[in-house]
Amino acid sequence: MSHGTDKDVSGYWKANVRIIIGCLIVWAICSLGFAVLLRPALMGITFMGTDLGLWFGQQGAILTFVALIFFYAWRMNRLDKEYGVEEE
């Protein structure tokens, strides 16, 4: 990126921050929203042998976090290629 213009650098970081914010929103909705705040509403829904709110607290939030790690790596590789800063 050292050979890019200020506009390229600014666009790259704006896109990067947008991806990070999107991932954080999904993570917060899943871990805080479903597992804590909406747990009473999800108690009547059975999923994999337990209520959905408990499942999100024990497994769903972790699986979502792992999925977000893979998504972020995949999306950043695409963004790096788009701006010509991919690893060789």
Protein backbone atom coordinates (compact mmCIF):
# COMPACT_ATOMS: atom_id res chain seq x y z
CA MET A 1 0.00 0.00 0.00
CA SER A 2 3.04 2.25 0.19
CA HIS A 3 2.76 2.87 -3.55
CA GLY A 4 -0.96 3.72 -3.38
CA THR A 5 -2.53 7.10 -3.20
CA ASP A 6 -4.05 8.57 -0.06
CA LYS A 7 -7.47 7.82 -1.56
CA ASP A 8 -6.54 4.12 -1.94
CA VAL A 9 -5.29 3.94 1.64
CA SER A 10 -8.37 5.73 2.95
CA GLY A 11 -10.72 3.47 0.95
CA TYR A 12 -8.92 0.35 2.13
CA TRP A 13 -9.19 1.31 5.80
CA LYS A 14 -12.80 2.43 5.48
CA ALA A 15 -13.67 -0.96 3.98
CA ASN A 16 -11.64 -2.74 6.67
CA VAL A 17 -13.40 -0.86 9.48
CA ARG A 18 -16.80 -1.57 7.86
CA ILE A 19 -16.02 -5.29 7.88
CA ILE A 20 -14.87 -5.17 11.50
CA ILE A 21 -17.97 -3.26 12.62
CA GLY A 22 -20.22 -5.71 10.77
CA CYS A 23 -18.51 -8.67 12.45
CA LEU A 24 -18.77 -7.01 15.87
CA ILE A 25 -22.48 -6.36 15.37
CA VAL A 26 -23.12 -10.01 14.44
CA TRP A 27 -21.04 -11.16 17.42
CA ALA A 28 -22.88 -8.84 19.83
CA ILE A 29 -26.31 -9.85 18.57
CA CYS A 30 -25.46 -13.52 18.92
CA SER A 31 -23.55 -13.53 22.20
CA LEU A 32 -25.26 -10.73 24.11
CA GLY A 33 -28.59 -10.54 22.34
CA PHE A 34 -29.58 -14.19 21.92
CA ALA A 35 -27.67 -15.66 24.86
CA VAL A 36 -28.47 -13.01 27.48
CA LEU A 37 -31.08 -10.41 26.58
CA LEU A 38 -33.44 -12.60 24.54
CA ARG A 39 -32.93 -15.80 26.54
CA PRO A 40 -36.32 -15.62 28.29
CA ALA A 41 -38.05 -15.28 24.92
CA LEU A 42 -36.08 -18.19 23.45
CA MET A 43 -36.66 -20.57 26.38
CA GLY A 44 -39.68 -22.22 24.74
CA ILE A 45 -37.80 -23.11 21.55
CA THR A 46 -36.02 -26.46 21.74
CA PHE A 47 -32.82 -26.82 19.73
CA MET A 48 -30.44 -29.80 19.93
CA GLY A 49 -31.98 -31.00 23.18
CA THR A 50 -31.97 -27.70 25.07
CA ASP A 51 -33.66 -24.33 24.84
CA LEU A 52 -32.33 -22.02 22.16
CA GLY A 53 -31.19 -19.25 24.53
CA LEU A 54 -29.09 -21.68 26.57
CA TRP A 55 -27.66 -23.23 23.40
CA PHE A 56 -26.55 -19.80 22.16
CA GLY A 57 -24.89 -19.13 25.50
CA GLN A 58 -23.04 -22.44 25.53
CA GLN A 59 -22.38 -23.27 21.88
CA GLY A 60 -23.92 -20.81 19.44
CA ALA A 61 -21.87 -17.79 20.45
CA ILE A 62 -18.64 -19.78 20.21
CA LEU A 63 -19.52 -21.26 16.81
CA THR A 64 -20.56 -17.84 15.54
CA PHE A 65 -17.26 -16.36 16.73
CA VAL A 66 -15.26 -19.08 14.93
CA ALA A 67 -17.34 -18.55 11.78
CA LEU A 68 -16.68 -14.79 12.00
CA ILE A 69 -12.92 -15.44 12.17
CA PHE A 70 -13.04 -17.44 8.94
CA PHE A 71 -15.35 -14.89 7.30
CA TYR A 72 -13.05 -12.01 8.27
CA ALA A 73 -9.97 -13.79 6.89
CA TRP A 74 -11.77 -14.63 3.63
CA ARG A 75 -13.18 -11.10 3.21
CA MET A 76 -9.86 -9.42 4.03
CA ASN A 77 -8.08 -11.60 1.44
CA ARG A 78 -10.59 -10.39 -1.15
CA LEU A 79 -10.14 -6.78 -0.01
CA ASP A 80 -6.34 -7.12 -0.15
CA LYS A 81 -6.56 -8.39 -3.74
CA GLU A 82 -8.92 -5.56 -4.64
CA TYR A 83 -6.40 -2.98 -3.41
CA GLY A 84 -3.33 -4.85 -4.64
CA VAL A 85 -1.81 -5.55 -1.23
CA GLU A 86 -2.26 -9.32 -1.04
CA GLU A 87 0.46 -11.57 0.34
CA GLU A 88 2.54 -13.50 -2.13
